[in-house]
Amino acid sequence: MKFNLFNKKPKVTISNINVKWQGSMHQLDGMDIKERVFEFTMPFKNKTHADLLTEAAGFKAEKAKPMVIKGIDIAAPFKLLSVEPAMPATVNPDEKIDIKMKIEAPDYAFTGAMNVSLLSDTVEVIHVEIQAVILNYKGKNIEVETSSRILPVQKGQIFPEKVQMYKAMSFGDRLTSVAVEPPFKLVSTDPKLPFAIDDPNSYIATFYIQAPETSFAGKLIMNLS
């Protein structure tokens, strides 16, 4: 039996909260725990950009699917007591839910991270290494600076690519079509096509790209016209 001098509560400080979901880790702010049993609410959204996947826009992509959270694990020294909504929980495309957890803190002083795992069916994650983003406009290839990166994504997942249009185009130019070279597919753009470069200072457009079905290393090439 542990004896707590003067009946003081041990200090528990969560420095940060690591949330693991489908092979990716997300970090949330920590908190100071005042009671042994505390509540933690975590927002979860099935973010799919489904509003952009329209036949009217002239693009085709895989339809967004519901996500199923099969359960929740919290690593020691914390203990999950209850969770709402009950698991498994289905989250429809672009739906947001609040996951409310009642958690028991350790009965001794602790400072460190709390690790939360959201359980799901096995999802195949591929690695997409974009060595450069190339804009082809009027017969010229322009490489976007600092565009090299590695993305751990699901097969066919949609990811945004923000581009400063002044890298390839000039004020007053009009973009009417974009063709992304395989194995990538263009899903949609923001702003919608066609659009004119009408800001003399800066013009950043977002291209929503569908990842391939297998791992890839190479250039992301977009043909502009």
C-alpha atoms as a PDB file:
ATOM      1  CA  MET A   1       0.000   0.000   0.000  1.00  0.00           C
ATOM      2  CA  LYS A   2       1.390   3.368  -1.027  1.00  0.00           C
ATOM      3  CA  PHE A   3       1.413   6.163   1.581  1.00  0.00           C
ATOM      4  CA  ASN A   4       0.898   9.689   0.258  1.00  0.00           C
ATOM      5  CA  LEU A   5       2.436  12.181   2.720  1.00  0.00           C
ATOM      6  CA  PHE A   6      -0.078  14.830   3.897  1.00  0.00           C
ATOM      7  CA  ASN A   7      -2.591  13.258   1.478  1.00  0.00           C
ATOM      8  CA  LYS A   8      -1.272  15.380  -1.404  1.00  0.00           C
ATOM      9  CA  LYS A   9      -2.313  14.438  -4.921  1.00  0.00           C
ATOM     10  CA  PRO A  10       0.603  13.434  -7.155  1.00  0.00           C
ATOM     11  CA  LYS A  11       1.208  15.930  -9.951  1.00  0.00           C
ATOM     12  CA  VAL A  12       0.452  14.603 -13.420  1.00  0.00           C
ATOM     13  CA  THR A  13       1.382  16.736 -16.421  1.00  0.00           C
ATOM     14  CA  ILE A  14       0.700  15.597 -19.971  1.00  0.00           C
ATOM     15  CA  SER A  15       3.307  17.336 -22.117  1.00  0.00           C
ATOM     16  CA  ASN A  16       1.563  16.418 -25.394  1.00  0.00           C
ATOM     17  CA  ILE A  17      -0.963  13.936 -26.735  1.00  0.00           C
ATOM     18  CA  ASN A  18       0.143  11.648 -29.570  1.00  0.00           C
ATOM     19  CA  VAL A  19      -2.746  10.279 -31.616  1.00  0.00           C
ATOM     20  CA  LYS A  20      -2.035   7.397 -33.997  1.00  0.00           C
ATOM     21  CA  TRP A  21      -4.465   6.752 -36.840  1.00  0.00           C
ATOM     22  CA  GLN A  22      -3.924   4.506 -39.868  1.00  0.00           C
ATOM     23  CA  GLY A  23      -0.144   4.676 -39.744  1.00  0.00           C
ATOM     24  CA  SER A  24       0.076   8.440 -39.185  1.00  0.00           C
ATOM     25  CA  MET A  25       0.856  10.260 -35.944  1.00  0.00           C
ATOM     26  CA  HIS A  26      -0.829  13.519 -34.978  1.00  0.00           C
ATOM     27  CA  GLN A  27       0.214  15.640 -32.016  1.00  0.00           C
ATOM     28  CA  LEU A  28      -2.161  17.615 -29.792  1.00  0.00           C
ATOM     29  CA  ASP A  29      -1.458  20.020 -26.952  1.00  0.00           C
ATOM     30  CA  GLY A  30      -0.939  18.615 -23.469  1.00  0.00           C
ATOM     31  CA  MET A  31      -2.650  19.487 -20.196  1.00  0.00           C
ATOM     32  CA  ASP A  32      -2.232  19.527 -16.422  1.00  0.00           C
ATOM     33  CA  ILE A  33      -4.304  16.883 -14.650  1.00  0.00           C
ATOM     34  CA  LYS A  34      -6.067  18.027 -11.473  1.00  0.00           C
ATOM     35  CA  GLU A  35      -8.063  14.874 -10.709  1.00  0.00           C
ATOM     36  CA  ARG A  36      -7.156  11.192 -10.865  1.00  0.00           C
ATOM     37  CA  VAL A  37     -10.022  10.577 -13.298  1.00  0.00           C
ATOM     38  CA  PHE A  38     -10.314  13.211 -16.023  1.00  0.00           C
ATOM     39  CA  GLU A  39     -12.095  13.740 -19.316  1.00  0.00           C
ATOM     40  CA  PHE A  40     -10.523  14.347 -22.707  1.00  0.00           C
ATOM     41  CA  THR A  41     -12.475  15.298 -25.839  1.00  0.00           C
ATOM     42  CA  MET A  42     -10.851  14.748 -29.218  1.00  0.00           C
ATOM     43  CA  PRO A  43     -12.404  16.023 -32.470  1.00  0.00           C
ATOM     44  CA  PHE A  44     -12.238  13.635 -35.416  1.00  0.00           C
ATOM     45  CA  LYS A  45     -13.158  14.473 -38.996  1.00  0.00           C
ATOM     46  CA  ASN A  46     -13.303  12.246 -42.053  1.00  0.00           C
ATOM     47  CA  LYS A  47     -11.770  14.947 -44.213  1.00  0.00           C
ATOM     48  CA  THR A  48     -12.064  13.943 -47.839  1.00  0.00           C
ATOM     49  CA  HIS A  49     -12.609  17.163 -49.828  1.00  0.00           C
ATOM     50  CA  ALA A  50     -15.723  15.358 -51.037  1.00  0.00           C
ATOM     51  CA  ASP A  51     -17.285  18.688 -51.999  1.00  0.00           C
ATOM     52  CA  LEU A  52     -14.617  18.993 -54.680  1.00  0.00           C
ATOM     53  CA  LEU A  53     -15.185  15.571 -56.251  1.00  0.00           C
ATOM     54  CA  THR A  54     -17.875  16.463 -58.733  1.00  0.00           C
ATOM     55  CA  GLU A  55     -18.519  15.245 -62.236  1.00  0.00           C
ATOM     56  CA  ALA A  56     -19.550  18.814 -63.078  1.00  0.00           C
ATOM     57  CA  ALA A  57     -15.963  19.903 -62.560  1.00  0.00           C
ATOM     58  CA  GLY A  58     -14.904  17.491 -65.278  1.00  0.00           C
ATOM     59  CA  PHE A  59     -12.822  15.268 -63.033  1.00  0.00           C
ATOM     60  CA  LYS A  60     -13.202  11.700 -61.864  1.00  0.00           C
ATOM     61  CA  ALA A  61     -11.838  10.180 -58.668  1.00  0.00           C
ATOM     62  CA  GLU A  62     -12.645   7.397 -56.251  1.00  0.00           C
ATOM     63  CA  LYS A  63     -15.725   8.182 -54.207  1.00  0.00           C
ATOM     64  CA  ALA A  64     -15.067   9.048 -50.589  1.00  0.00           C
ATOM     65  CA  LYS A  65     -15.764   6.243 -48.132  1.00  0.00           C
ATOM     66  CA  PRO A  66     -16.885   6.175 -44.485  1.00  0.00           C
ATOM     67  CA  MET A  67     -14.174   5.611 -41.876  1.00  0.00           C
ATOM     68  CA  VAL A  68     -14.703   3.105 -39.080  1.00  0.00           C
ATOM     69  CA  ILE A  69     -12.976   3.589 -35.723  1.00  0.00           C
ATOM     70  CA  LYS A  70     -12.995   0.052 -34.304  1.00  0.00           C
ATOM     71  CA  GLY A  71     -11.742   0.979 -30.855  1.00  0.00           C
ATOM     72  CA  ILE A  72      -9.363   3.122 -28.805  1.00  0.00           C
ATOM     73  CA  ASP A  73      -6.222   2.132 -26.899  1.00  0.00           C
ATOM     74  CA  ILE A  74      -4.405   4.362 -24.432  1.00  0.00           C
ATOM     75  CA  ALA A  75      -0.894   3.383 -23.439  1.00  0.00           C
ATOM     76  CA  ALA A  76       0.175   2.949 -19.813  1.00  0.00           C
ATOM     77  CA  PRO A  77       0.442   4.564 -17.346  1.00  0.00           C
ATOM     78  CA  PHE A  78      -2.971   5.926 -18.361  1.00  0.00           C
ATOM     79  CA  LYS A  79      -6.115   3.791 -18.438  1.00  0.00           C
ATOM     80  CA  LEU A  80      -9.205   4.269 -20.604  1.00  0.00           C
ATOM     81  CA  LEU A  81     -12.379   3.912 -18.513  1.00  0.00           C
ATOM     82  CA  SER A  82     -15.099   4.797 -21.015  1.00  0.00           C
ATOM     83  CA  VAL A  83     -15.626   6.387 -24.419  1.00  0.00           C
ATOM     84  CA  GLU A  84     -18.496   8.079 -26.269  1.00  0.00           C
ATOM     85  CA  PRO A  85     -19.725   7.350 -28.844  1.00  0.00           C
ATOM     86  CA  ALA A  86     -19.574   3.597 -28.356  1.00  0.00           C
ATOM     87  CA  MET A  87     -17.051   1.776 -30.516  1.00  0.00           C
ATOM     88  CA  PRO A  88     -16.985   0.830 -33.323  1.00  0.00           C
ATOM     89  CA  ALA A  89     -17.994   4.256 -34.651  1.00  0.00           C
ATOM     90  CA  THR A  90     -18.636   5.078 -38.307  1.00  0.00           C
ATOM     91  CA  VAL A  91     -17.709   8.556 -39.543  1.00  0.00           C
ATOM     92  CA  ASN A  92     -19.152   9.478 -42.921  1.00  0.00           C
ATOM     93  CA  PRO A  93     -17.243  11.554 -45.513  1.00  0.00           C
ATOM     94  CA  ASP A  94     -16.701  15.118 -44.257  1.00  0.00           C
ATOM     95  CA  GLU A  95     -18.528  14.321 -40.998  1.00  0.00           C
ATOM     96  CA  LYS A  96     -16.995  15.533 -37.726  1.00  0.00           C
ATOM     97  CA  ILE A  97     -17.536  13.886 -34.358  1.00  0.00           C
ATOM     98  CA  ASP A  98     -16.258  14.524 -30.828  1.00  0.00           C
ATOM     99  CA  ILE A  99     -14.783  11.477 -29.115  1.00  0.00           C
ATOM    100  CA  LYS A 100     -15.238  11.882 -25.356  1.00  0.00           C
ATOM    101  CA  MET A 101     -12.969   9.763 -23.196  1.00  0.00           C
ATOM    102  CA  LYS A 102     -12.890   9.232 -19.449  1.00  0.00           C
ATOM    103  CA  ILE A 103      -9.335   8.400 -18.441  1.00  0.00           C
ATOM    104  CA  GLU A 104      -7.596   7.389 -15.238  1.00  0.00           C
ATOM    105  CA  ALA A 105      -4.229   9.018 -14.559  1.00  0.00           C
ATOM    106  CA  PRO A 106      -1.410   7.218 -12.723  1.00  0.00           C
ATOM    107  CA  ASP A 107      -1.372   7.420  -8.920  1.00  0.00           C
ATOM    108  CA  TYR A 108       2.165   8.798  -8.894  1.00  0.00           C
ATOM    109  CA  ALA A 109       3.864  11.924 -10.196  1.00  0.00           C
ATOM    110  CA  PHE A 110       4.227  11.808 -13.952  1.00  0.00           C
ATOM    111  CA  THR A 111       5.332  14.183 -16.696  1.00  0.00           C
ATOM    112  CA  GLY A 112       5.313  13.030 -20.310  1.00  0.00           C
ATOM    113  CA  ALA A 113       3.231  12.234 -23.363  1.00  0.00           C
ATOM    114  CA  MET A 114      -0.087  10.417 -23.476  1.00  0.00           C
ATOM    115  CA  ASN A 115      -0.299   8.021 -26.424  1.00  0.00           C
ATOM    116  CA  VAL A 116      -3.709   7.356 -27.961  1.00  0.00           C
ATOM    117  CA  SER A 117      -4.283   4.819 -30.761  1.00  0.00           C
ATOM    118  CA  LEU A 118      -7.437   4.849 -32.861  1.00  0.00           C
ATOM    119  CA  LEU A 119      -7.911   1.322 -34.177  1.00  0.00           C
ATOM    120  CA  SER A 120      -9.090   0.607 -37.702  1.00  0.00           C
ATOM    121  CA  ASP A 121      -9.043  -2.088 -40.325  1.00  0.00           C
ATOM    122  CA  THR A 122      -5.637  -2.455 -41.900  1.00  0.00           C
ATOM    123  CA  VAL A 123      -5.153   0.207 -44.546  1.00  0.00           C
ATOM    124  CA  GLU A 124      -2.349  -0.105 -47.054  1.00  0.00           C
ATOM    125  CA  VAL A 125      -0.079   2.911 -46.829  1.00  0.00           C
ATOM    126  CA  ILE A 126       2.249   3.758 -49.694  1.00  0.00           C
ATOM    127  CA  HIS A 127       5.185   6.150 -49.803  1.00  0.00           C
ATOM    128  CA  VAL A 128       5.113   8.864 -52.419  1.00  0.00           C
ATOM    129  CA  GLU A 129       8.447  10.624 -52.850  1.00  0.00           C
ATOM    130  CA  ILE A 130       7.924  13.812 -54.841  1.00  0.00           C
ATOM    131  CA  GLN A 131      11.385  14.766 -55.999  1.00  0.00           C
ATOM    132  CA  ALA A 132      10.176  17.962 -57.701  1.00  0.00           C
ATOM    133  CA  VAL A 133       6.988  19.686 -58.828  1.00  0.00           C
ATOM    134  CA  ILE A 134       7.256  20.720 -62.478  1.00  0.00           C
ATOM    135  CA  LEU A 135       4.929  23.244 -64.132  1.00  0.00           C
ATOM    136  CA  ASN A 136       4.827  22.999 -67.902  1.00  0.00           C
ATOM    137  CA  TYR A 137       3.442  26.195 -69.444  1.00  0.00           C
ATOM    138  CA  LYS A 138       3.850  27.387 -73.030  1.00  0.00           C
ATOM    139  CA  GLY A 139       6.539  24.808 -73.699  1.00  0.00           C
ATOM    140  CA  LYS A 140       8.674  25.716 -70.675  1.00  0.00           C
ATOM    141  CA  ASN A 141       9.291  23.489 -67.643  1.00  0.00           C
ATOM    142  CA  ILE A 142       9.563  25.387 -64.366  1.00  0.00           C
ATOM    143  CA  GLU A 143      10.517  23.621 -61.154  1.00  0.00           C
ATOM    144  CA  VAL A 144       8.740  24.833 -58.035  1.00  0.00           C
ATOM    145  CA  GLU A 145      11.286  25.548 -55.329  1.00  0.00           C
ATOM    146  CA  THR A 146      11.361  23.483 -52.095  1.00  0.00           C
ATOM    147  CA  SER A 147       8.803  21.060 -53.504  1.00  0.00           C
ATOM    148  CA  SER A 148      10.716  17.866 -52.679  1.00  0.00           C
ATOM    149  CA  ARG A 149       9.125  15.774 -49.928  1.00  0.00           C
ATOM    150  CA  ILE A 150       8.009  12.278 -48.916  1.00  0.00           C
ATOM    151  CA  LEU A 151       4.325  11.614 -48.230  1.00  0.00           C
ATOM    152  CA  PRO A 152       3.057   8.515 -46.369  1.00  0.00           C
ATOM    153  CA  VAL A 153      -0.458   8.265 -47.835  1.00  0.00           C
ATOM    154  CA  GLN A 154      -3.130   5.660 -48.410  1.00  0.00           C
ATOM    155  CA  LYS A 155      -3.603   4.169 -51.852  1.00  0.00           C
ATOM    156  CA  GLY A 156      -5.618   6.610 -53.939  1.00  0.00           C
ATOM    157  CA  GLN A 157      -5.685   9.232 -51.188  1.00  0.00           C
ATOM    158  CA  ILE A 158      -6.216  12.847 -52.213  1.00  0.00           C
ATOM    159  CA  PHE A 159      -3.644  15.421 -51.107  1.00  0.00           C
ATOM    160  CA  PRO A 160      -3.415  19.177 -51.741  1.00  0.00           C
ATOM    161  CA  GLU A 161      -0.576  20.772 -53.693  1.00  0.00           C
ATOM    162  CA  LYS A 162      -0.323  24.545 -53.263  1.00  0.00           C
ATOM    163  CA  VAL A 163       1.420  26.367 -56.101  1.00  0.00           C
ATOM    164  CA  GLN A 164       2.509  29.972 -56.516  1.00  0.00           C
ATOM    165  CA  MET A 165       1.234  30.540 -60.051  1.00  0.00           C
ATOM    166  CA  TYR A 166       3.711  33.346 -60.713  1.00  0.00           C
ATOM    167  CA  LYS A 167       6.385  30.628 -60.917  1.00  0.00           C
ATOM    168  CA  ALA A 168       5.098  29.874 -64.418  1.00  0.00           C
ATOM    169  CA  MET A 169       2.442  32.438 -65.345  1.00  0.00           C
ATOM    170  CA  SER A 170       2.099  36.220 -65.455  1.00  0.00           C
ATOM    171  CA  PHE A 171      -0.462  38.759 -64.360  1.00  0.00           C
ATOM    172  CA  GLY A 172      -3.489  38.611 -66.629  1.00  0.00           C
ATOM    173  CA  ASP A 173      -2.820  35.056 -67.859  1.00  0.00           C
ATOM    174  CA  ARG A 174      -5.812  32.703 -67.827  1.00  0.00           C
ATOM    175  CA  LEU A 175      -5.615  29.033 -66.854  1.00  0.00           C
ATOM    176  CA  THR A 176      -8.265  26.923 -68.566  1.00  0.00           C
ATOM    177  CA  SER A 177      -7.020  23.353 -68.120  1.00  0.00           C
ATOM    178  CA  VAL A 178      -4.548  21.301 -66.090  1.00  0.00           C
ATOM    179  CA  ALA A 179      -3.304  17.816 -66.994  1.00  0.00           C
ATOM    180  CA  VAL A 180      -1.327  15.932 -64.347  1.00  0.00           C
ATOM    181  CA  GLU A 181       0.931  13.211 -65.688  1.00  0.00           C
ATOM    182  CA  PRO A 182       0.460   9.604 -64.443  1.00  0.00           C
ATOM    183  CA  PRO A 183       0.560   7.960 -62.002  1.00  0.00           C
ATOM    184  CA  PHE A 184      -1.169  10.947 -60.403  1.00  0.00           C
ATOM    185  CA  LYS A 185      -4.669  12.199 -61.208  1.00  0.00           C
ATOM    186  CA  LEU A 186      -6.072  15.700 -60.859  1.00  0.00           C
ATOM    187  CA  VAL A 187      -9.265  15.770 -58.797  1.00  0.00           C
ATOM    188  CA  SER A 188     -10.090  19.475 -58.610  1.00  0.00           C
ATOM    189  CA  THR A 189      -8.635  22.949 -58.193  1.00  0.00           C
ATOM    190  CA  ASP A 190      -9.194  25.913 -55.912  1.00  0.00           C
ATOM    191  CA  PRO A 191     -10.157  28.284 -57.403  1.00  0.00           C
ATOM    192  CA  LYS A 192     -12.190  26.330 -59.940  1.00  0.00           C
ATOM    193  CA  LEU A 193     -11.064  26.268 -63.543  1.00  0.00           C
ATOM    194  CA  PRO A 194     -10.947  28.428 -65.523  1.00  0.00           C
ATOM    195  CA  PHE A 195      -9.392  31.278 -63.548  1.00  0.00           C
ATOM    196  CA  ALA A 196      -7.309  34.346 -64.302  1.00  0.00           C
ATOM    197  CA  ILE A 197      -4.144  35.470 -62.533  1.00  0.00           C
ATOM    198  CA  ASP A 198      -5.706  38.714 -61.330  1.00  0.00           C
ATOM    199  CA  ASP A 199      -3.696  39.554 -58.203  1.00  0.00           C
ATOM    200  CA  PRO A 200      -0.556  41.552 -59.091  1.00  0.00           C
ATOM    201  CA  ASN A 201       1.251  40.569 -55.871  1.00  0.00           C
ATOM    202  CA  SER A 202       0.710  36.851 -55.360  1.00  0.00           C
ATOM    203  CA  TYR A 203      -1.534  34.103 -56.702  1.00  0.00           C
ATOM    204  CA  ILE A 204      -1.556  30.730 -54.932  1.00  0.00           C
ATOM    205  CA  ALA A 205      -3.758  27.971 -56.331  1.00  0.00           C
ATOM    206  CA  THR A 206      -4.440  24.610 -54.711  1.00  0.00           C
ATOM    207  CA  PHE A 207      -4.473  21.466 -56.834  1.00  0.00           C
ATOM    208  CA  TYR A 208      -6.092  18.378 -55.305  1.00  0.00           C
ATOM    209  CA  ILE A 209      -4.128  15.347 -56.490  1.00  0.00           C
ATOM    210  CA  GLN A 210      -5.033  11.679 -56.196  1.00  0.00           C
ATOM    211  CA  ALA A 211      -2.089   9.503 -55.174  1.00  0.00           C
ATOM    212  CA  PRO A 212      -1.255   6.328 -57.132  1.00  0.00           C
ATOM    213  CA  GLU A 213      -2.076   2.774 -56.042  1.00  0.00           C
ATOM    214  CA  THR A 214       1.574   1.857 -55.474  1.00  0.00           C
ATOM    215  CA  SER A 215       4.613   3.579 -53.986  1.00  0.00           C
ATOM    216  CA  PHE A 216       6.257   6.114 -56.287  1.00  0.00           C
ATOM    217  CA  ALA A 217       9.407   8.177 -56.471  1.00  0.00           C
ATOM    218  CA  GLY A 218       9.762  10.837 -59.140  1.00  0.00           C
ATOM    219  CA  LYS A 219       8.428  14.167 -60.345  1.00  0.00           C
ATOM    220  CA  LEU A 220       4.930  15.547 -60.117  1.00  0.00           C
ATOM    221  CA  ILE A 221       4.387  17.159 -63.529  1.00  0.00           C
ATOM    222  CA  MET A 222       1.459  19.471 -64.239  1.00  0.00           C
ATOM    223  CA  ASN A 223       0.784  20.654 -67.778  1.00  0.00           C
ATOM    224  CA  LEU A 224      -0.924  24.063 -67.749  1.00  0.00           C
ATOM    225  CA  SER A 225      -2.801  25.653 -70.620  1.00  0.00           C
END
